[in-house]
Amino acid sequence: MTMQTFTGFCDRVSEWVGQKFAWVAVPITVLIVYEVIWRRVFHDPHLWAFEVTTLLYSIHFMMVGAYGLLHNFHVNIDLIYSCLSRRWQAGFDVVNYFLFFFLYFLIFLIAGIDLGVDS
């Protein structure tokens, strides 16, 4: 399997998953509107609504993240980035993706170990 075949496969998977899981935003929106109305109008908030909204959003964020990278939907600071050549932009992207991936992974790992030890 060549690298182009593999990246093409990953792009197709990201496209399909992103299109399907983008629809998770609809129940999130409906749930938030429902909870705000119930809390503000009836003064009776639900304890489960915040948890379910957070869980749905985390699913949405994780599953649609690769789709955002595929279509370059993420926010860039273009002050410096736009002045670079395509080659430097690609190198900058690779370094940042790996740096932030491992930084977040390390933070989640440490937090998870602490929570696991406490439990």
C-alpha atoms as a PDB file:
ATOM      1  CA  MET A   1       0.000   0.000   0.000  1.00  0.00           C
ATOM      2  CA  THR A   2       1.470   3.322  -1.016  1.00  0.00           C
ATOM      3  CA  MET A   3       1.323   6.453   1.091  1.00  0.00           C
ATOM      4  CA  GLN A   4      -1.062   8.091  -1.407  1.00  0.00           C
ATOM      5  CA  THR A   5      -3.422   5.111  -1.190  1.00  0.00           C
ATOM      6  CA  PHE A   6      -3.348   5.243   2.600  1.00  0.00           C
ATOM      7  CA  THR A   7      -3.886   9.014   2.809  1.00  0.00           C
ATOM      8  CA  GLY A   8      -6.670   8.773   0.222  1.00  0.00           C
ATOM      9  CA  PHE A   9      -8.353   6.099   2.327  1.00  0.00           C
ATOM     10  CA  CYS A  10      -7.979   8.254   5.469  1.00  0.00           C
ATOM     11  CA  ASP A  11      -9.421  11.254   3.626  1.00  0.00           C
ATOM     12  CA  ARG A  12     -12.430   9.246   2.447  1.00  0.00           C
ATOM     13  CA  VAL A  13     -13.039   7.932   5.978  1.00  0.00           C
ATOM     14  CA  SER A  14     -12.711  11.442   7.424  1.00  0.00           C
ATOM     15  CA  GLU A  15     -15.110  12.797   4.819  1.00  0.00           C
ATOM     16  CA  TRP A  16     -17.723  10.109   5.478  1.00  0.00           C
ATOM     17  CA  VAL A  17     -17.457  10.253   9.281  1.00  0.00           C
ATOM     18  CA  GLY A  18     -17.479  14.064   9.273  1.00  0.00           C
ATOM     19  CA  GLN A  19     -20.599  14.260   7.145  1.00  0.00           C
ATOM     20  CA  LYS A  20     -22.450  11.740   9.289  1.00  0.00           C
ATOM     21  CA  PHE A  21     -21.420  13.055  12.699  1.00  0.00           C
ATOM     22  CA  ALA A  22     -21.984  16.697  11.754  1.00  0.00           C
ATOM     23  CA  TRP A  23     -25.645  15.916  12.355  1.00  0.00           C
ATOM     24  CA  VAL A  24     -24.931  15.409  16.069  1.00  0.00           C
ATOM     25  CA  ALA A  25     -25.058  19.224  16.259  1.00  0.00           C
ATOM     26  CA  VAL A  26     -28.822  19.088  15.719  1.00  0.00           C
ATOM     27  CA  PRO A  27     -29.721  17.140  18.897  1.00  0.00           C
ATOM     28  CA  ILE A  28     -27.192  19.234  20.828  1.00  0.00           C
ATOM     29  CA  THR A  29     -28.944  22.410  19.710  1.00  0.00           C
ATOM     30  CA  VAL A  30     -32.405  21.007  20.394  1.00  0.00           C
ATOM     31  CA  LEU A  31     -31.348  19.838  23.851  1.00  0.00           C
ATOM     32  CA  ILE A  32     -29.797  23.192  24.760  1.00  0.00           C
ATOM     33  CA  VAL A  33     -32.864  25.119  23.596  1.00  0.00           C
ATOM     34  CA  TYR A  34     -35.132  22.713  25.488  1.00  0.00           C
ATOM     35  CA  GLU A  35     -33.101  23.049  28.680  1.00  0.00           C
ATOM     36  CA  VAL A  36     -32.861  26.838  28.502  1.00  0.00           C
ATOM     37  CA  ILE A  37     -36.636  27.139  28.028  1.00  0.00           C
ATOM     38  CA  TRP A  38     -37.321  24.647  30.811  1.00  0.00           C
ATOM     39  CA  ARG A  39     -34.905  26.407  33.164  1.00  0.00           C
ATOM     40  CA  ARG A  40     -35.917  30.014  32.388  1.00  0.00           C
ATOM     41  CA  VAL A  41     -39.656  29.601  31.887  1.00  0.00           C
ATOM     42  CA  PHE A  42     -40.504  26.784  34.291  1.00  0.00           C
ATOM     43  CA  HIS A  43     -37.634  27.338  36.782  1.00  0.00           C
ATOM     44  CA  ASP A  44     -37.011  23.604  36.867  1.00  0.00           C
ATOM     45  CA  PRO A  45     -33.602  22.674  35.384  1.00  0.00           C
ATOM     46  CA  HIS A  46     -32.779  19.071  34.623  1.00  0.00           C
ATOM     47  CA  LEU A  47     -29.654  17.598  36.166  1.00  0.00           C
ATOM     48  CA  TRP A  48     -29.001  15.328  33.193  1.00  0.00           C
ATOM     49  CA  ALA A  49     -29.165  17.984  30.460  1.00  0.00           C
ATOM     50  CA  PHE A  50     -25.712  19.478  31.019  1.00  0.00           C
ATOM     51  CA  GLU A  51     -24.096  16.030  31.142  1.00  0.00           C
ATOM     52  CA  VAL A  52     -25.816  14.792  27.994  1.00  0.00           C
ATOM     53  CA  THR A  53     -24.982  18.005  26.138  1.00  0.00           C
ATOM     54  CA  THR A  54     -21.322  17.723  27.160  1.00  0.00           C
ATOM     55  CA  LEU A  55     -21.133  14.086  26.100  1.00  0.00           C
ATOM     56  CA  LEU A  56     -22.805  14.764  22.747  1.00  0.00           C
ATOM     57  CA  TYR A  57     -20.515  17.719  22.097  1.00  0.00           C
ATOM     58  CA  SER A  58     -17.418  15.678  22.937  1.00  0.00           C
ATOM     59  CA  ILE A  59     -18.536  12.974  20.485  1.00  0.00           C
ATOM     60  CA  HIS A  60     -19.202  15.644  17.872  1.00  0.00           C
ATOM     61  CA  PHE A  61     -15.831  17.342  18.436  1.00  0.00           C
ATOM     62  CA  MET A  62     -13.801  14.151  18.265  1.00  0.00           C
ATOM     63  CA  MET A  63     -15.563  12.671  15.244  1.00  0.00           C
ATOM     64  CA  VAL A  64     -15.682  15.863  13.166  1.00  0.00           C
ATOM     65  CA  GLY A  65     -12.137  17.027  13.998  1.00  0.00           C
ATOM     66  CA  ALA A  66     -10.492  15.121  11.137  1.00  0.00           C
ATOM     67  CA  TYR A  67     -13.131  16.459   8.745  1.00  0.00           C
ATOM     68  CA  GLY A  68     -12.188  19.991   9.809  1.00  0.00           C
ATOM     69  CA  LEU A  69      -8.516  19.257   9.201  1.00  0.00           C
ATOM     70  CA  LEU A  70      -9.301  17.727   5.810  1.00  0.00           C
ATOM     71  CA  HIS A  71     -11.129  20.852   4.631  1.00  0.00           C
ATOM     72  CA  ASN A  72      -8.897  23.326   6.509  1.00  0.00           C
ATOM     73  CA  PHE A  73     -11.788  24.675   8.616  1.00  0.00           C
ATOM     74  CA  HIS A  74      -9.641  25.308  11.663  1.00  0.00           C
ATOM     75  CA  VAL A  75      -8.699  28.812  12.718  1.00  0.00           C
ATOM     76  CA  ASN A  76      -5.230  29.953  11.701  1.00  0.00           C
ATOM     77  CA  ILE A  77      -3.330  33.062  12.667  1.00  0.00           C
ATOM     78  CA  ASP A  78      -2.620  34.201   9.137  1.00  0.00           C
ATOM     79  CA  LEU A  79      -0.299  37.054  10.030  1.00  0.00           C
ATOM     80  CA  ILE A  80       2.789  34.848   9.692  1.00  0.00           C
ATOM     81  CA  TYR A  81       1.301  31.699   8.169  1.00  0.00           C
ATOM     82  CA  SER A  82       0.129  33.365   4.946  1.00  0.00           C
ATOM     83  CA  CYS A  83       3.607  34.812   4.306  1.00  0.00           C
ATOM     84  CA  LEU A  84       5.188  31.345   4.273  1.00  0.00           C
ATOM     85  CA  SER A  85       5.605  29.163   1.205  1.00  0.00           C
ATOM     86  CA  ARG A  86       3.383  26.060   0.833  1.00  0.00           C
ATOM     87  CA  ARG A  87       6.306  23.873   1.904  1.00  0.00           C
ATOM     88  CA  TRP A  88       6.886  25.847   5.108  1.00  0.00           C
ATOM     89  CA  GLN A  89       3.141  25.913   5.810  1.00  0.00           C
ATOM     90  CA  ALA A  90       3.028  22.109   5.521  1.00  0.00           C
ATOM     91  CA  GLY A  91       6.016  21.743   7.853  1.00  0.00           C
ATOM     92  CA  PHE A  92       4.456  24.195  10.292  1.00  0.00           C
ATOM     93  CA  ASP A  93       1.194  22.198  10.218  1.00  0.00           C
ATOM     94  CA  VAL A  94       2.942  18.879  10.846  1.00  0.00           C
ATOM     95  CA  VAL A  95       4.949  20.249  13.789  1.00  0.00           C
ATOM     96  CA  ASN A  96       1.879  21.891  15.341  1.00  0.00           C
ATOM     97  CA  TYR A  97      -0.385  18.863  14.903  1.00  0.00           C
ATOM     98  CA  PHE A  98       2.132  16.523  16.496  1.00  0.00           C
ATOM     99  CA  LEU A  99       3.088  19.005  19.223  1.00  0.00           C
ATOM    100  CA  PHE A 100      -0.482  19.712  20.264  1.00  0.00           C
ATOM    101  CA  PHE A 101      -1.593  16.096  19.864  1.00  0.00           C
ATOM    102  CA  PHE A 102       1.118  14.865  22.201  1.00  0.00           C
ATOM    103  CA  LEU A 103       0.628  17.794  24.582  1.00  0.00           C
ATOM    104  CA  TYR A 104      -3.106  17.078  24.907  1.00  0.00           C
ATOM    105  CA  PHE A 105      -2.463  13.344  25.060  1.00  0.00           C
ATOM    106  CA  LEU A 106       0.024  13.864  27.906  1.00  0.00           C
ATOM    107  CA  ILE A 107      -2.378  16.132  29.807  1.00  0.00           C
ATOM    108  CA  PHE A 108      -5.249  13.642  29.415  1.00  0.00           C
ATOM    109  CA  LEU A 109      -2.977  10.759  30.380  1.00  0.00           C
ATOM    110  CA  ILE A 110      -1.803  12.471  33.572  1.00  0.00           C
ATOM    111  CA  ALA A 111      -5.346  13.544  34.479  1.00  0.00           C
ATOM    112  CA  GLY A 112      -6.641  10.042  33.724  1.00  0.00           C
ATOM    113  CA  ILE A 113      -3.991   8.408  35.869  1.00  0.00           C
ATOM    114  CA  ASP A 114      -4.800  10.781  38.736  1.00  0.00           C
ATOM    115  CA  LEU A 115      -8.507  10.041  38.440  1.00  0.00           C
ATOM    116  CA  GLY A 116      -7.839   6.321  38.172  1.00  0.00           C
ATOM    117  CA  VAL A 117      -5.644   6.318  41.273  1.00  0.00           C
ATOM    118  CA  ASP A 118      -8.232   8.325  43.212  1.00  0.00           C
ATOM    119  CA  SER A 119     -11.037   5.983  42.253  1.00  0.00           C
END
